Protein backbone atom coordinates (compact mmCIF):
# COMPACT_ATOMS: atom_id res chain seq x y z
CA UNK A 1 0.00 0.00 0.00
CA UNK A 2 1.42 3.33 -1.00
CA UNK A 3 1.33 6.51 1.01
CA UNK A 4 -1.18 8.03 -1.42
CA UNK A 5 -3.60 5.10 -1.05
CA UNK A 6 -3.33 5.31 2.72
CA UNK A 7 -4.02 9.05 2.63
CA UNK A 8 -7.05 8.51 0.35
CA UNK A 9 -8.46 5.80 2.66
CA UNK A 10 -7.85 7.98 5.70
CA UNK A 11 -9.56 11.00 4.15
CA UNK A 12 -12.49 8.84 3.01
CA UNK A 13 -12.84 7.51 6.53
CA UNK A 14 -12.74 11.04 7.93
CA UNK A 15 -15.31 12.16 5.39
CA UNK A 16 -17.60 9.29 6.38
CA UNK A 17 -17.26 10.19 10.05
CA UNK A 18 -17.98 13.82 9.25
CA UNK A 19 -21.10 12.91 7.24
CA UNK A 20 -22.34 10.56 9.96
CA UNK A 21 -21.87 13.18 12.67
CA UNK A 22 -23.54 15.80 10.47
CA UNK A 23 -26.54 13.50 9.96
CA UNK A 24 -26.76 12.84 13.70
CA UNK A 25 -26.63 16.57 14.45
CA UNK A 26 -29.33 17.21 11.86
CA UNK A 27 -31.63 14.59 13.36
CA UNK A 28 -31.07 15.95 16.87
CA UNK A 29 -31.68 19.45 15.53
CA UNK A 30 -34.92 18.33 13.83
CA UNK A 31 -36.06 16.68 17.05
CA UNK A 32 -35.22 19.83 19.01
CA UNK A 33 -37.10 21.96 16.48
CA UNK A 34 -40.16 19.70 16.65
CA UNK A 35 -40.05 19.75 20.45
CA UNK A 36 -39.52 23.50 20.46
CA UNK A 37 -42.36 24.03 17.98
CA UNK A 38 -44.75 21.88 19.98
CA UNK A 39 -43.84 23.61 23.24
CA UNK A 40 -44.50 27.01 21.63
CA UNK A 41 -47.87 25.82 20.35
CA UNK A 42 -48.72 24.36 23.75
CA UNK A 43 -47.77 27.62 25.51
CA UNK A 44 -50.00 29.62 23.20
CA UNK A 45 -52.95 27.26 23.61
CA UNK A 46 -52.46 27.13 27.40
CA UNK A 47 -52.58 30.93 27.61
CA UNK A 48 -55.81 30.87 25.63
CA UNK A 49 -57.23 28.14 27.87
CA UNK A 50 -56.42 30.10 31.03
CA UNK A 51 -58.03 33.21 29.59
CA UNK A 52 -61.13 31.24 28.63
CA UNK A 53 -61.47 29.92 32.18
CA UNK A 54 -61.73 33.52 33.33
CA UNK A 55 -64.23 34.27 30.57
CA UNK A 56 -63.47 33.99 26.91
CA UNK A 57 -62.63 37.19 25.11
CA UNK A 58 -62.23 37.73 21.38
CA UNK A 59 -58.87 39.41 22.04
CA UNK A 60 -57.51 36.24 23.68
CA UNK A 61 -58.33 34.26 20.53
CA UNK A 62 -56.83 36.93 18.28
CA UNK A 63 -53.64 36.98 20.38
CA UNK A 64 -53.41 33.19 20.22
CA UNK A 65 -53.96 33.24 16.45
CA UNK A 66 -51.23 35.88 16.06
CA UNK A 67 -48.83 33.75 18.11
CA UNK A 68 -49.66 30.67 16.02
CA UNK A 69 -49.00 32.67 12.85
CA UNK A 70 -45.56 33.58 14.19
CA UNK A 71 -44.88 29.94 15.06
CA UNK A 72 -45.99 28.94 11.56
CA UNK A 73 -43.57 31.49 10.08
CA UNK A 74 -40.78 29.92 12.14
CA UNK A 75 -41.70 26.39 10.99
CA UNK A 76 -43.20 26.87 7.50
CA UNK A 77 -42.88 23.20 6.52
CA UNK A 78 -44.81 21.96 9.56
CA UNK A 79 -48.49 21.13 9.52
CA UNK A 80 -49.22 21.47 13.25
CA UNK A 81 -48.99 25.29 13.50
CA UNK A 82 -51.16 25.67 10.39
CA UNK A 83 -53.73 23.24 11.76
CA UNK A 84 -53.91 24.95 15.14
CA UNK A 85 -54.00 28.42 13.58
CA UNK A 86 -56.91 27.38 11.33
CA UNK A 87 -58.73 25.68 14.19
CA UNK A 88 -58.43 28.61 16.61
CA UNK A 89 -59.43 31.03 13.84
CA UNK A 90 -62.54 28.93 13.19
CA UNK A 91 -63.41 28.86 16.90
CA UNK A 92 -63.07 32.65 17.01
CA UNK A 93 -65.17 33.02 13.85
CA UNK A 94 -67.99 30.74 14.94
CA UNK A 95 -68.28 32.62 18.26
CA UNK A 96 -67.88 36.04 16.61
CA UNK A 97 -69.44 35.60 13.16
CA UNK A 98 -69.95 39.31 12.59
CA UNK A 99 -66.69 40.63 14.08
CA UNK A 100 -64.68 42.83 11.72
CA UNK A 101 -61.80 40.29 11.69
CA UNK A 102 -63.93 37.28 10.78
CA UNK A 103 -64.06 37.66 7.00
CA UNK A 104 -60.30 38.20 6.80
CA UNK A 105 -59.68 35.19 9.04
CA UNK A 106 -61.96 32.97 6.96
CA UNK A 107 -60.10 33.96 3.80
CA UNK A 108 -56.77 33.16 5.50
CA UNK A 109 -58.13 29.84 6.77
CA UNK A 110 -59.18 28.82 3.29
CA UNK A 111 -55.67 29.60 2.01
CA UNK A 112 -54.09 27.71 4.92
CA UNK A 113 -56.25 24.64 4.30
CA UNK A 114 -55.25 24.72 0.63
CA UNK A 115 -51.56 24.84 1.66
CA UNK A 116 -52.09 21.94 4.05
CA UNK A 117 -53.74 19.85 1.30
CA UNK A 118 -50.55 20.14 -0.73
CA UNK A 119 -48.27 18.99 2.11
CA UNK A 120 -47.25 15.34 1.93
CA UNK A 121 -47.71 14.57 5.66
CA UNK A 122 -51.14 16.18 5.92
CA UNK A 123 -53.88 14.22 7.65
CA UNK A 124 -56.73 14.26 5.13
CA UNK A 125 -59.30 13.59 7.86
CA UNK A 126 -58.18 16.74 9.69
CA UNK A 127 -58.28 18.74 6.47
CA UNK A 128 -61.83 17.58 5.73
CA UNK A 129 -62.81 18.48 9.29
CA UNK A 130 -61.39 21.99 8.89
CA UNK A 131 -63.16 22.44 5.52
CA UNK A 132 -66.46 21.30 7.03
CA UNK A 133 -65.97 23.67 9.98
CA UNK A 134 -65.16 26.54 7.59
CA UNK A 135 -68.43 26.03 5.71
CA UNK A 136 -70.30 25.64 8.99
CA UNK A 137 -69.00 29.05 10.09
CA UNK A 138 -70.16 30.51 6.76
CA UNK A 139 -73.65 29.20 7.55
CA UNK A 140 -73.53 30.71 11.05
CA UNK A 141 -72.54 34.06 9.52
CA UNK A 142 -75.63 34.19 7.34
CA UNK A 143 -78.00 31.22 7.71
CA UNK A 144 -80.59 32.52 5.22
CA UNK A 145 -78.08 33.03 2.42
CA UNK A 146 -75.46 30.37 3.17
CA UNK A 147 -77.54 27.58 4.71
CA UNK A 148 -78.69 26.04 1.45
CA UNK A 149 -75.43 26.93 -0.27
CA UNK A 150 -73.11 25.11 2.18
CA UNK A 151 -75.33 22.59 4.00
CA UNK A 152 -74.39 19.65 1.74
CA UNK A 153 -70.69 20.61 1.79
CA UNK A 154 -70.60 20.60 5.59
CA UNK A 155 -72.25 17.19 5.78
CA UNK A 156 -70.02 15.70 3.07
CA UNK A 157 -66.78 16.99 4.59
CA UNK A 158 -67.62 15.68 8.07
CA UNK A 159 -68.70 12.33 6.62
CA UNK A 160 -65.49 12.09 4.58
CA UNK A 161 -63.40 13.03 7.64
CA UNK A 162 -65.04 10.25 9.64
CA UNK A 163 -64.71 7.77 6.79
CA UNK A 164 -60.98 8.50 6.62
CA UNK A 165 -60.62 8.34 10.40
CA UNK A 166 -63.59 7.00 12.39
CA UNK A 167 -61.82 8.10 15.61
CA UNK A 168 -61.63 11.78 14.62
CA UNK A 169 -63.27 13.22 17.74
CA UNK A 170 -63.32 16.80 16.48
CA UNK A 171 -65.19 15.75 13.33
CA UNK A 172 -67.70 13.81 15.45
CA UNK A 173 -68.26 16.75 17.81
CA UNK A 174 -68.60 19.31 15.04
CA UNK A 175 -70.93 17.07 13.05
CA UNK A 176 -73.12 16.64 16.14
CA UNK A 177 -73.15 20.43 16.77
CA UNK A 178 -74.07 20.98 13.13
CA UNK A 179 -77.00 18.56 13.31
CA UNK A 180 -78.19 20.16 16.57
CA UNK A 181 -77.97 23.61 15.02
CA UNK A 182 -79.86 22.53 11.94
CA UNK A 183 -82.62 21.00 14.09
CA UNK A 184 -82.95 24.30 15.96
CA UNK A 185 -83.11 26.25 12.69
CA UNK A 186 -85.79 23.99 11.24
CA UNK A 187 -87.72 23.79 14.51
CA UNK A 188 -87.55 20.02 14.82
């Protein structure tokens, strides 16, 4: 074995070690980012929960939504911040259907759901649930105009969500609320 061959083998070995350690650091970094992202989301949702215990205010929801938007900007390739941002925006909108922020939020939610649909790790059951909830909020905003327009969409999205994942509790709860609301509207 010549000196050159030895040097080549040594540098290849060093390169392999470098690549392996780089991959390990990247995986640890990804894990830390995921943990960090989840802890930020949890903090934001916990603040909202504490505020709601004292009496829910629209400002608490709007602050939470703003925090979730910042988290989403920090982790643009992650689904969780988008999902939580859409969900909290829908909760705000269904409780405040005529607030000045509602129409803007609903437009943003629709864009967010469309982004989520294009992400490879997206849970299609969750996306259908969010779409159904979006149309349900549209009905709440203006039952006379939007009831007939979106009624079938709401039912189909919740049914599809539950077909994709029969254990989707949010879809079950929202579907039940929708049916209860429709019974009240029709007087049955």
